[in-house]
mmCIF file of all heavy atoms, coordinates in Angstrom:
data_MODEL
# 
_entry.id   MODEL 
# 
loop_
_atom_site.group_PDB 
_atom_site.id 
_atom_site.type_symbol 
_atom_site.label_atom_id 
_atom_site.label_alt_id 
_atom_site.label_comp_id 
_atom_site.label_asym_id 
_atom_site.label_entity_id 
_atom_site.label_seq_id 
_atom_site.pdbx_PDB_ins_code 
_atom_site.Cartn_x 
_atom_site.Cartn_y 
_atom_site.Cartn_z 
_atom_site.occupancy 
_atom_site.B_iso_or_equiv 
_atom_site.pdbx_formal_charge 
_atom_site.auth_seq_id 
_atom_site.auth_comp_id 
_atom_site.auth_asym_id 
_atom_site.auth_atom_id 
_atom_site.pdbx_PDB_model_num 
ATOM 1   N N   . TYR A 1 1  ? 0.867  -1.180  0.000   1.00 0.00 ? 1  TYR A N   1 
ATOM 2   C CA  . TYR A 1 1  ? 0.000  0.000   0.000   1.00 0.00 ? 1  TYR A CA  1 
ATOM 3   C C   . TYR A 1 1  ? 0.900  1.225   0.000   1.00 0.00 ? 1  TYR A C   1 
ATOM 4   O O   . TYR A 1 1  ? 1.678  1.431   0.931   1.00 0.00 ? 1  TYR A O   1 
ATOM 5   C CB  . TYR A 1 1  ? -0.908 -0.005  1.231   1.00 0.00 ? 1  TYR A CB  1 
ATOM 6   C CG  . TYR A 1 1  ? -1.900 -1.140  1.204   1.00 0.00 ? 1  TYR A CG  1 
ATOM 7   C CD1 . TYR A 1 1  ? -1.551 -2.414  1.622   1.00 0.00 ? 1  TYR A CD1 1 
ATOM 8   C CD2 . TYR A 1 1  ? -3.185 -0.934  0.725   1.00 0.00 ? 1  TYR A CD2 1 
ATOM 9   C CE1 . TYR A 1 1  ? -2.454 -3.462  1.578   1.00 0.00 ? 1  TYR A CE1 1 
ATOM 10  C CE2 . TYR A 1 1  ? -4.102 -1.968  0.684   1.00 0.00 ? 1  TYR A CE2 1 
ATOM 11  C CZ  . TYR A 1 1  ? -3.722 -3.228  1.108   1.00 0.00 ? 1  TYR A CZ  1 
ATOM 12  O OH  . TYR A 1 1  ? -4.629 -4.269  1.052   1.00 0.00 ? 1  TYR A OH  1 
ATOM 13  N N   . LEU A 1 2  ? 0.801  2.016   -1.064  1.00 0.00 ? 2  LEU A N   1 
ATOM 14  C CA  . LEU A 1 2  ? 1.676  3.172   -1.253  1.00 0.00 ? 2  LEU A CA  1 
ATOM 15  C C   . LEU A 1 2  ? 0.846  4.442   -1.302  1.00 0.00 ? 2  LEU A C   1 
ATOM 16  O O   . LEU A 1 2  ? -0.175 4.487   -1.990  1.00 0.00 ? 2  LEU A O   1 
ATOM 17  C CB  . LEU A 1 2  ? 2.447  3.021   -2.570  1.00 0.00 ? 2  LEU A CB  1 
ATOM 18  C CG  . LEU A 1 2  ? 3.134  1.675   -2.804  1.00 0.00 ? 2  LEU A CG  1 
ATOM 19  C CD1 . LEU A 1 2  ? 3.693  1.593   -4.214  1.00 0.00 ? 2  LEU A CD1 1 
ATOM 20  C CD2 . LEU A 1 2  ? 4.216  1.439   -1.774  1.00 0.00 ? 2  LEU A CD2 1 
ATOM 21  N N   . SER A 1 3  ? 1.276  5.480   -0.591  1.00 0.00 ? 3  SER A N   1 
ATOM 22  C CA  . SER A 1 3  ? 0.528  6.740   -0.605  1.00 0.00 ? 3  SER A CA  1 
ATOM 23  C C   . SER A 1 3  ? 0.978  7.580   -1.791  1.00 0.00 ? 3  SER A C   1 
ATOM 24  O O   . SER A 1 3  ? 2.158  7.658   -2.109  1.00 0.00 ? 3  SER A O   1 
ATOM 25  C CB  . SER A 1 3  ? 0.726  7.512   0.695   1.00 0.00 ? 3  SER A CB  1 
ATOM 26  O OG  . SER A 1 3  ? 2.055  7.952   0.813   1.00 0.00 ? 3  SER A OG  1 
ATOM 27  N N   . CYS A 1 4  ? 0.009  8.171   -2.450  1.00 0.00 ? 4  CYS A N   1 
ATOM 28  C CA  . CYS A 1 4  ? 0.257  9.069   -3.585  1.00 0.00 ? 4  CYS A CA  1 
ATOM 29  C C   . CYS A 1 4  ? -0.622 10.292  -3.371  1.00 0.00 ? 4  CYS A C   1 
ATOM 30  O O   . CYS A 1 4  ? -1.752 10.357  -3.857  1.00 0.00 ? 4  CYS A O   1 
ATOM 31  C CB  . CYS A 1 4  ? -0.071 8.383   -4.905  1.00 0.00 ? 4  CYS A CB  1 
ATOM 32  S SG  . CYS A 1 4  ? 0.962  6.972   -5.247  1.00 0.00 ? 4  CYS A SG  1 
ATOM 33  N N   . GLY A 1 5  ? -0.118 11.242  -2.580  1.00 0.00 ? 5  GLY A N   1 
ATOM 34  C CA  . GLY A 1 5  ? -0.930 12.410  -2.230  1.00 0.00 ? 5  GLY A CA  1 
ATOM 35  C C   . GLY A 1 5  ? -2.082 11.989  -1.338  1.00 0.00 ? 5  GLY A C   1 
ATOM 36  O O   . GLY A 1 5  ? -1.883 11.344  -0.321  1.00 0.00 ? 5  GLY A O   1 
ATOM 37  N N   . ASP A 1 6  ? -3.304 12.301  -1.761  1.00 0.00 ? 6  ASP A N   1 
ATOM 38  C CA  . ASP A 1 6  ? -4.491 11.925  -0.995  1.00 0.00 ? 6  ASP A CA  1 
ATOM 39  C C   . ASP A 1 6  ? -5.011 10.539  -1.361  1.00 0.00 ? 6  ASP A C   1 
ATOM 40  O O   . ASP A 1 6  ? -5.974 10.061  -0.782  1.00 0.00 ? 6  ASP A O   1 
ATOM 41  C CB  . ASP A 1 6  ? -5.611 12.950  -1.226  1.00 0.00 ? 6  ASP A CB  1 
ATOM 42  C CG  . ASP A 1 6  ? -5.273 14.307  -0.638  1.00 0.00 ? 6  ASP A CG  1 
ATOM 43  O OD1 . ASP A 1 6  ? -4.427 14.347  0.278   1.00 0.00 ? 6  ASP A OD1 1 
ATOM 44  O OD2 . ASP A 1 6  ? -5.844 15.316  -1.091  1.00 0.00 ? 6  ASP A OD2 1 
ATOM 45  N N   . GLU A 1 7  ? -4.391 9.919   -2.337  1.00 0.00 ? 7  GLU A N   1 
ATOM 46  C CA  . GLU A 1 7  ? -4.828 8.614   -2.827  1.00 0.00 ? 7  GLU A CA  1 
ATOM 47  C C   . GLU A 1 7  ? -3.901 7.514   -2.323  1.00 0.00 ? 7  GLU A C   1 
ATOM 48  O O   . GLU A 1 7  ? -2.777 7.757   -1.918  1.00 0.00 ? 7  GLU A O   1 
ATOM 49  C CB  . GLU A 1 7  ? -4.825 8.602   -4.364  1.00 0.00 ? 7  GLU A CB  1 
ATOM 50  C CG  . GLU A 1 7  ? -5.715 9.654   -4.999  1.00 0.00 ? 7  GLU A CG  1 
ATOM 51  C CD  . GLU A 1 7  ? -7.186 9.377   -4.815  1.00 0.00 ? 7  GLU A CD  1 
ATOM 52  O OE1 . GLU A 1 7  ? -7.579 8.203   -4.878  1.00 0.00 ? 7  GLU A OE1 1 
ATOM 53  O OE2 . GLU A 1 7  ? -7.932 10.339  -4.591  1.00 0.00 ? 7  GLU A OE2 1 
ATOM 54  N N   . MET A 1 8  ? -4.388 6.266   -2.398  1.00 0.00 ? 8  MET A N   1 
ATOM 55  C CA  . MET A 1 8  ? -3.595 5.110   -2.023  1.00 0.00 ? 8  MET A CA  1 
ATOM 56  C C   . MET A 1 8  ? -3.448 4.224   -3.257  1.00 0.00 ? 8  MET A C   1 
ATOM 57  O O   . MET A 1 8  ? -4.437 3.894   -3.908  1.00 0.00 ? 8  MET A O   1 
ATOM 58  C CB  . MET A 1 8  ? -4.295 4.333   -0.905  1.00 0.00 ? 8  MET A CB  1 
ATOM 59  C CG  . MET A 1 8  ? -3.480 3.206   -0.324  1.00 0.00 ? 8  MET A CG  1 
ATOM 60  S SD  . MET A 1 8  ? -2.068 3.727   0.674   1.00 0.00 ? 8  MET A SD  1 
ATOM 61  C CE  . MET A 1 8  ? -2.843 4.532   2.039   1.00 0.00 ? 8  MET A CE  1 
ATOM 62  N N   . LEU A 1 9  ? -2.216 3.875   -3.607  1.00 0.00 ? 9  LEU A N   1 
ATOM 63  C CA  . LEU A 1 9  ? -1.948 2.950   -4.699  1.00 0.00 ? 9  LEU A CA  1 
ATOM 64  C C   . LEU A 1 9  ? -1.755 1.576   -4.078  1.00 0.00 ? 9  LEU A C   1 
ATOM 65  O O   . LEU A 1 9  ? -0.906 1.400   -3.211  1.00 0.00 ? 9  LEU A O   1 
ATOM 66  C CB  . LEU A 1 9  ? -0.688 3.374   -5.464  1.00 0.00 ? 9  LEU A CB  1 
ATOM 67  C CG  . LEU A 1 9  ? -0.220 2.441   -6.583  1.00 0.00 ? 9  LEU A CG  1 
ATOM 68  C CD1 . LEU A 1 9  ? -1.270 2.333   -7.686  1.00 0.00 ? 9  LEU A CD1 1 
ATOM 69  C CD2 . LEU A 1 9  ? 1.098  2.938   -7.150  1.00 0.00 ? 9  LEU A CD2 1 
ATOM 70  N N   . ILE A 1 10 ? -2.568 0.611   -4.526  1.00 0.00 ? 10 ILE A N   1 
ATOM 71  C CA  . ILE A 1 10 ? -2.493 -0.747  -4.007  1.00 0.00 ? 10 ILE A CA  1 
ATOM 72  C C   . ILE A 1 10 ? -1.817 -1.607  -5.066  1.00 0.00 ? 10 ILE A C   1 
ATOM 73  O O   . ILE A 1 10 ? -2.313 -1.723  -6.188  1.00 0.00 ? 10 ILE A O   1 
ATOM 74  C CB  . ILE A 1 10 ? -3.890 -1.286  -3.664  1.00 0.00 ? 10 ILE A CB  1 
ATOM 75  C CG1 . ILE A 1 10 ? -4.540 -0.383  -2.615  1.00 0.00 ? 10 ILE A CG1 1 
ATOM 76  C CG2 . ILE A 1 10 ? -3.805 -2.728  -3.184  1.00 0.00 ? 10 ILE A CG2 1 
ATOM 77  C CD1 . ILE A 1 10 ? -5.998 -0.681  -2.362  1.00 0.00 ? 10 ILE A CD1 1 
ATOM 78  N N   . VAL A 1 11 ? -0.675 -2.195  -4.719  1.00 0.00 ? 11 VAL A N   1 
ATOM 79  C CA  . VAL A 1 11 ? 0.100  -3.006  -5.651  1.00 0.00 ? 11 VAL A CA  1 
ATOM 80  C C   . VAL A 1 11 ? 0.016  -4.467  -5.205  1.00 0.00 ? 11 VAL A C   1 
ATOM 81  O O   . VAL A 1 11 ? 0.536  -4.832  -4.146  1.00 0.00 ? 11 VAL A O   1 
ATOM 82  C CB  . VAL A 1 11 ? 1.576  -2.540  -5.706  1.00 0.00 ? 11 VAL A CB  1 
ATOM 83  C CG1 . VAL A 1 11 ? 2.361  -3.383  -6.695  1.00 0.00 ? 11 VAL A CG1 1 
ATOM 84  C CG2 . VAL A 1 11 ? 1.658  -1.060  -6.054  1.00 0.00 ? 11 VAL A CG2 1 
ATOM 85  N N   . ASP A 1 12 ? -0.662 -5.291  -6.014  1.00 0.00 ? 12 ASP A N   1 
ATOM 86  C CA  . ASP A 1 12 ? -0.838 -6.711  -5.704  1.00 0.00 ? 12 ASP A CA  1 
ATOM 87  C C   . ASP A 1 12 ? 0.284  -7.555  -6.294  1.00 0.00 ? 12 ASP A C   1 
ATOM 88  O O   . ASP A 1 12 ? 0.975  -7.137  -7.216  1.00 0.00 ? 12 ASP A O   1 
ATOM 89  C CB  . ASP A 1 12 ? -2.168 -7.214  -6.271  1.00 0.00 ? 12 ASP A CB  1 
ATOM 90  C CG  . ASP A 1 12 ? -3.366 -6.655  -5.522  1.00 0.00 ? 12 ASP A CG  1 
ATOM 91  O OD1 . ASP A 1 12 ? -3.285 -6.544  -4.294  1.00 0.00 ? 12 ASP A OD1 1 
ATOM 92  O OD2 . ASP A 1 12 ? -4.369 -6.344  -6.181  1.00 0.00 ? 12 ASP A OD2 1 
ATOM 93  N N   . ARG A 1 13 ? 0.421  -8.755  -5.763  1.00 0.00 ? 13 ARG A N   1 
ATOM 94  C CA  . ARG A 1 13 ? 1.357  -9.768  -6.245  1.00 0.00 ? 13 ARG A CA  1 
ATOM 95  C C   . ARG A 1 13 ? 2.805  -9.262  -6.253  1.00 0.00 ? 13 ARG A C   1 
ATOM 96  O O   . ARG A 1 13 ? 3.541  -9.433  -7.208  1.00 0.00 ? 13 ARG A O   1 
ATOM 97  C CB  . ARG A 1 13 ? 0.920  -10.288 -7.607  1.00 0.00 ? 13 ARG A CB  1 
ATOM 98  C CG  . ARG A 1 13 ? -0.500 -10.877 -7.533  1.00 0.00 ? 13 ARG A CG  1 
ATOM 99  C CD  . ARG A 1 13 ? -0.923 -11.556 -8.784  1.00 0.00 ? 13 ARG A CD  1 
ATOM 100 N NE  . ARG A 1 13 ? -0.219 -12.852 -8.854  1.00 0.00 ? 13 ARG A NE  1 
ATOM 101 C CZ  . ARG A 1 13 ? -0.251 -13.624 -9.915  1.00 0.00 ? 13 ARG A CZ  1 
ATOM 102 N NH1 . ARG A 1 13 ? -0.917 -13.273 -10.976 1.00 0.00 ? 13 ARG A NH1 1 
ATOM 103 N NH2 . ARG A 1 13 ? 0.389  -14.766 -9.919  1.00 0.00 ? 13 ARG A NH2 1 
ATOM 104 N N   . VAL A 1 14 ? 3.178  -8.644  -5.153  1.00 0.00 ? 14 VAL A N   1 
ATOM 105 C CA  . VAL A 1 14 ? 4.547  -8.130  -4.989  1.00 0.00 ? 14 VAL A CA  1 
ATOM 106 C C   . VAL A 1 14 ? 5.503  -9.305  -4.828  1.00 0.00 ? 14 VAL A C   1 
ATOM 107 O O   . VAL A 1 14 ? 5.252  -10.215 -4.030  1.00 0.00 ? 14 VAL A O   1 
ATOM 108 C CB  . VAL A 1 14 ? 4.631  -7.193  -3.763  1.00 0.00 ? 14 VAL A CB  1 
ATOM 109 C CG1 . VAL A 1 14 ? 6.066  -6.816  -3.456  1.00 0.00 ? 14 VAL A CG1 1 
ATOM 110 C CG2 . VAL A 1 14 ? 3.769  -5.970  -3.982  1.00 0.00 ? 14 VAL A CG2 1 
ATOM 111 N N   . THR A 1 15 ? 6.588  -9.288  -5.600  1.00 0.00 ? 15 THR A N   1 
ATOM 112 C CA  . THR A 1 15 ? 7.596  -10.346 -5.494  1.00 0.00 ? 15 THR A CA  1 
ATOM 113 C C   . THR A 1 15 ? 8.836  -9.892  -4.740  1.00 0.00 ? 15 THR A C   1 
ATOM 114 O O   . THR A 1 15 ? 9.485  -10.705 -4.089  1.00 0.00 ? 15 THR A O   1 
ATOM 115 C CB  . THR A 1 15 ? 8.025  -10.853 -6.888  1.00 0.00 ? 15 THR A CB  1 
ATOM 116 O OG1 . THR A 1 15 ? 8.473  -9.737  -7.662  1.00 0.00 ? 15 THR A OG1 1 
ATOM 117 C CG2 . THR A 1 15 ? 6.871  -11.550 -7.585  1.00 0.00 ? 15 THR A CG2 1 
ATOM 118 N N   . GLN A 1 16 ? 9.168  -8.597  -4.842  1.00 0.00 ? 16 GLN A N   1 
ATOM 119 C CA  . GLN A 1 16 ? 10.326 -8.115  -4.086  1.00 0.00 ? 16 GLN A CA  1 
ATOM 120 C C   . GLN A 1 16 ? 10.295 -6.600  -3.936  1.00 0.00 ? 16 GLN A C   1 
ATOM 121 O O   . GLN A 1 16 ? 9.630  -5.906  -4.702  1.00 0.00 ? 16 GLN A O   1 
ATOM 122 C CB  . GLN A 1 16 ? 11.641 -8.567  -4.707  1.00 0.00 ? 16 GLN A CB  1 
ATOM 123 C CG  . GLN A 1 16 ? 12.063 -7.842  -5.953  1.00 0.00 ? 16 GLN A CG  1 
ATOM 124 C CD  . GLN A 1 16 ? 13.408 -8.348  -6.453  1.00 0.00 ? 16 GLN A CD  1 
ATOM 125 O OE1 . GLN A 1 16 ? 13.668 -9.551  -6.436  1.00 0.00 ? 16 GLN A OE1 1 
ATOM 126 N NE2 . GLN A 1 16 ? 14.259 -7.456  -6.894  1.00 0.00 ? 16 GLN A NE2 1 
ATOM 127 N N   . LEU A 1 17 ? 11.024 -6.143  -2.929  1.00 0.00 ? 17 LEU A N   1 
ATOM 128 C CA  . LEU A 1 17 ? 11.219 -4.719  -2.692  1.00 0.00 ? 17 LEU A CA  1 
ATOM 129 C C   . LEU A 1 17 ? 12.717 -4.470  -2.633  1.00 0.00 ? 17 LEU A C   1 
ATOM 130 O O   . LEU A 1 17 ? 13.432 -5.153  -1.892  1.00 0.00 ? 17 LEU A O   1 
ATOM 131 C CB  . LEU A 1 17 ? 10.582 -4.282  -1.380  1.00 0.00 ? 17 LEU A CB  1 
ATOM 132 C CG  . LEU A 1 17 ? 9.058  -4.282  -1.355  1.00 0.00 ? 17 LEU A CG  1 
ATOM 133 C CD1 . LEU A 1 17 ? 8.540  -5.589  -0.795  1.00 0.00 ? 17 LEU A CD1 1 
ATOM 134 C CD2 . LEU A 1 17 ? 8.552  -3.140  -0.522  1.00 0.00 ? 17 LEU A CD2 1 
ATOM 135 N N   . ASP A 1 18 ? 13.193 -3.517  -3.438  1.00 0.00 ? 18 ASP A N   1 
ATOM 136 C CA  . ASP A 1 18 ? 14.592 -3.103  -3.429  1.00 0.00 ? 18 ASP A CA  1 
ATOM 137 C C   . ASP A 1 18 ? 14.657 -1.733  -2.774  1.00 0.00 ? 18 ASP A C   1 
ATOM 138 O O   . ASP A 1 18 ? 13.981 -0.804  -3.220  1.00 0.00 ? 18 ASP A O   1 
ATOM 139 C CB  . ASP A 1 18 ? 15.145 -3.021  -4.856  1.00 0.00 ? 18 ASP A CB  1 
ATOM 140 C CG  . ASP A 1 18 ? 15.136 -4.366  -5.553  1.00 0.00 ? 18 ASP A CG  1 
ATOM 141 O OD1 . ASP A 1 18 ? 15.825 -5.270  -5.062  1.00 0.00 ? 18 ASP A OD1 1 
ATOM 142 O OD2 . ASP A 1 18 ? 14.439 -4.510  -6.569  1.00 0.00 ? 18 ASP A OD2 1 
ATOM 143 N N   . ILE A 1 19 ? 15.455 -1.610  -1.727  1.00 0.00 ? 19 ILE A N   1 
ATOM 144 C CA  . ILE A 1 19 ? 15.559 -0.357  -0.986  1.00 0.00 ? 19 ILE A CA  1 
ATOM 145 C C   . ILE A 1 19 ? 16.971 0.180   -1.133  1.00 0.00 ? 19 ILE A C   1 
ATOM 146 O O   . ILE A 1 19 ? 17.947 -0.490  -0.801  1.00 0.00 ? 19 ILE A O   1 
ATOM 147 C CB  . ILE A 1 19 ? 15.211 -0.556  0.498   1.00 0.00 ? 19 ILE A CB  1 
ATOM 148 C CG1 . ILE A 1 19 ? 13.799 -1.140  0.617   1.00 0.00 ? 19 ILE A CG1 1 
ATOM 149 C CG2 . ILE A 1 19 ? 15.331 0.758   1.251   1.00 0.00 ? 19 ILE A CG2 1 
ATOM 150 C CD1 . ILE A 1 19 ? 13.422 -1.551  2.015   1.00 0.00 ? 19 ILE A CD1 1 
ATOM 151 N N   . ASP A 1 20 ? 17.058 1.383   -1.673  1.00 0.00 ? 20 ASP A N   1 
ATOM 152 C CA  . ASP A 1 20 ? 18.344 2.045   -1.865  1.00 0.00 ? 20 ASP A CA  1 
ATOM 153 C C   . ASP A 1 20 ? 18.240 3.435   -1.247  1.00 0.00 ? 20 ASP A C   1 
ATOM 154 O O   . ASP A 1 20 ? 17.660 4.345   -1.841  1.00 0.00 ? 20 ASP A O   1 
ATOM 155 C CB  . ASP A 1 20 ? 18.673 2.140   -3.359  1.00 0.00 ? 20 ASP A CB  1 
ATOM 156 C CG  . ASP A 1 20 ? 20.061 2.699   -3.620  1.00 0.00 ? 20 ASP A CG  1 
ATOM 157 O OD1 . ASP A 1 20 ? 20.797 2.964   -2.651  1.00 0.00 ? 20 ASP A OD1 1 
ATOM 158 O OD2 . ASP A 1 20 ? 20.401 2.878   -4.795  1.00 0.00 ? 20 ASP A OD2 1 
ATOM 159 N N   . HIS A 1 21 ? 18.751 3.562   -0.046  1.00 0.00 ? 21 HIS A N   1 
ATOM 160 C CA  . HIS A 1 21 ? 18.713 4.809   0.710   1.00 0.00 ? 21 HIS A CA  1 
ATOM 161 C C   . HIS A 1 21 ? 17.261 5.174   1.008   1.00 0.00 ? 21 HIS A C   1 
ATOM 162 O O   . HIS A 1 21 ? 16.646 4.546   1.842   1.00 0.00 ? 21 HIS A O   1 
ATOM 163 C CB  . HIS A 1 21 ? 19.484 5.900   -0.027  1.00 0.00 ? 21 HIS A CB  1 
ATOM 164 C CG  . HIS A 1 21 ? 19.808 7.096   0.812   1.00 0.00 ? 21 HIS A CG  1 
ATOM 165 N ND1 . HIS A 1 21 ? 20.456 7.001   2.012   1.00 0.00 ? 21 HIS A ND1 1 
ATOM 166 C CD2 . HIS A 1 21 ? 19.570 8.401   0.622   1.00 0.00 ? 21 HIS A CD2 1 
ATOM 167 C CE1 . HIS A 1 21 ? 20.601 8.198   2.535   1.00 0.00 ? 21 HIS A CE1 1 
ATOM 168 N NE2 . HIS A 1 21 ? 20.076 9.074   1.710   1.00 0.00 ? 21 HIS A NE2 1 
ATOM 169 N N   . GLU A 1 22 ? 16.677 6.139   0.348   1.00 0.00 ? 22 GLU A N   1 
ATOM 170 C CA  . GLU A 1 22 ? 15.296 6.566   0.600   1.00 0.00 ? 22 GLU A CA  1 
ATOM 171 C C   . GLU A 1 22 ? 14.345 6.197   -0.532  1.00 0.00 ? 22 GLU A C   1 
ATOM 172 O O   . GLU A 1 22 ? 13.209 6.665   -0.567  1.00 0.00 ? 22 GLU A O   1 
ATOM 173 C CB  . GLU A 1 22 ? 15.247 8.081   0.829   1.00 0.00 ? 22 GLU A CB  1 
ATOM 174 C CG  . GLU A 1 22 ? 15.992 8.539   2.071   1.00 0.00 ? 22 GLU A CG  1 
ATOM 175 C CD  . GLU A 1 22 ? 15.371 8.043   3.365   1.00 0.00 ? 22 GLU A CD  1 
ATOM 176 O OE1 . GLU A 1 22 ? 14.126 8.065   3.485   1.00 0.00 ? 22 GLU A OE1 1 
ATOM 177 O OE2 . GLU A 1 22 ? 16.128 7.614   4.253   1.00 0.00 ? 22 GLU A OE2 1 
ATOM 178 N N   . ILE A 1 23 ? 14.800 5.365   -1.473  1.00 0.00 ? 23 ILE A N   1 
ATOM 179 C CA  . ILE A 1 23 ? 13.988 4.968   -2.620  1.00 0.00 ? 23 ILE A CA  1 
ATOM 180 C C   . ILE A 1 23 ? 13.645 3.486   -2.510  1.00 0.00 ? 23 ILE A C   1 
ATOM 181 O O   . ILE A 1 23 ? 14.505 2.662   -2.184  1.00 0.00 ? 23 ILE A O   1 
ATOM 182 C CB  . ILE A 1 23 ? 14.730 5.221   -3.953  1.00 0.00 ? 23 ILE A CB  1 
ATOM 183 C CG1 . ILE A 1 23 ? 15.109 6.686   -4.092  1.00 0.00 ? 23 ILE A CG1 1 
ATOM 184 C CG2 . ILE A 1 23 ? 13.913 4.730   -5.146  1.00 0.00 ? 23 ILE A CG2 1 
ATOM 185 C CD1 . ILE A 1 23 ? 13.947 7.640   -4.191  1.00 0.00 ? 23 ILE A CD1 1 
ATOM 186 N N   . VAL A 1 24 ? 12.390 3.138   -2.809  1.00 0.00 ? 24 VAL A N   1 
ATOM 187 C CA  . VAL A 1 24 ? 11.943 1.746   -2.809  1.00 0.00 ? 24 VAL A CA  1 
ATOM 188 C C   . VAL A 1 24 ? 11.423 1.418   -4.203  1.00 0.00 ? 24 VAL A C   1 
ATOM 189 O O   . VAL A 1 24 ? 10.592 2.149   -4.745  1.00 0.00 ? 24 VAL A O   1 
ATOM 190 C CB  . VAL A 1 24 ? 10.821 1.512   -1.766  1.00 0.00 ? 24 VAL A CB  1 
ATOM 191 C CG1 . VAL A 1 24 ? 10.346 0.062   -1.796  1.00 0.00 ? 24 VAL A CG1 1 
ATOM 192 C CG2 . VAL A 1 24 ? 11.290 1.894   -0.372  1.00 0.00 ? 24 VAL A CG2 1 
ATOM 193 N N   . ILE A 1 25 ? 11.921 0.328   -4.764  1.00 0.00 ? 25 ILE A N   1 
ATOM 194 C CA  . ILE A 1 25 ? 11.410 -0.181  -6.031  1.00 0.00 ? 25 ILE A CA  1 
ATOM 195 C C   . ILE A 1 25 ? 10.602 -1.432  -5.693  1.00 0.00 ? 25 ILE A C   1 
ATOM 196 O O   . ILE A 1 25 ? 11.133 -2.401  -5.146  1.00 0.00 ? 25 ILE A O   1 
ATOM 197 C CB  . ILE A 1 25 ? 12.541 -0.542  -7.020  1.00 0.00 ? 25 ILE A CB  1 
ATOM 198 C CG1 . ILE A 1 25 ? 13.461 0.646   -7.265  1.00 0.00 ? 25 ILE A CG1 1 
ATOM 199 C CG2 . ILE A 1 25 ? 11.946 -1.089  -8.325  1.00 0.00 ? 25 ILE A CG2 1 
ATOM 200 C CD1 . ILE A 1 25 ? 12.821 1.831   -7.934  1.00 0.00 ? 25 ILE A CD1 1 
ATOM 201 N N   . VAL A 1 26 ? 9.295  -1.383  -6.004  1.00 0.00 ? 26 VAL A N   1 
ATOM 202 C CA  . VAL A 1 26 ? 8.393  -2.504  -5.744  1.00 0.00 ? 26 VAL A CA  1 
ATOM 203 C C   . VAL A 1 26 ? 8.209  -3.246  -7.063  1.00 0.00 ? 26 VAL A C   1 
ATOM 204 O O   . VAL A 1 26 ? 7.770  -2.657  -8.049  1.00 0.00 ? 26 VAL A O   1 
ATOM 205 C CB  . VAL A 1 26 ? 7.034  -2.005  -5.212  1.00 0.00 ? 26 VAL A CB  1 
ATOM 206 C CG1 . VAL A 1 26 ? 6.099  -3.176  -4.953  1.00 0.00 ? 26 VAL A CG1 1 
ATOM 207 C CG2 . VAL A 1 26 ? 7.218  -1.165  -3.950  1.00 0.00 ? 26 VAL A CG2 1 
ATOM 208 N N   . SER A 1 27 ? 8.547  -4.541  -7.084  1.00 0.00 ? 27 SER A N   1 
ATOM 209 C CA  . SER A 1 27 ? 8.405  -5.364  -8.284  1.00 0.00 ? 27 SER A CA  1 
ATOM 210 C C   . SER A 1 27 ? 7.293  -6.379  -8.084  1.00 0.00 ? 27 SER A C   1 
ATOM 211 O O   . SER A 1 27 ? 7.117  -6.900  -6.976  1.00 0.00 ? 27 SER A O   1 
ATOM 212 C CB  . SER A 1 27 ? 9.712  -6.110  -8.586  1.00 0.00 ? 27 SER A CB  1 
ATOM 213 O OG  . SER A 1 27 ? 10.765 -5.195  -8.774  1.00 0.00 ? 27 SER A OG  1 
ATOM 214 N N   . THR A 1 28 ? 6.565  -6.668  -9.168  1.00 0.00 ? 28 THR A N   1 
ATOM 215 C CA  . THR A 1 28 ? 5.430  -7.588  -9.075  1.00 0.00 ? 28 THR A CA  1 
ATOM 216 C C   . THR A 1 28 ? 5.650  -8.833  -9.926  1.00 0.00 ? 28 THR A C   1 
ATOM 217 O O   . THR A 1 28 ? 6.558  -8.893  -10.757 1.00 0.00 ? 28 THR A O   1 
ATOM 218 C CB  . THR A 1 28 ? 4.122  -6.926  -9.542  1.00 0.00 ? 28 THR A CB  1 
ATOM 219 O OG1 . THR A 1 28 ? 4.161  -6.758  -10.955 1.00 0.00 ? 28 THR A OG1 1 
ATOM 220 C CG2 . THR A 1 28 ? 3.883  -5.600  -8.847  1.00 0.00 ? 28 THR A CG2 1 
# 
């Protein structure tokens, strides 16, 4: 569940999260 301003982006079937400092790449 990712916030985008006042909206929520729901990303299903996540396979991995890559975290580099303050950036997250969500892969499905």
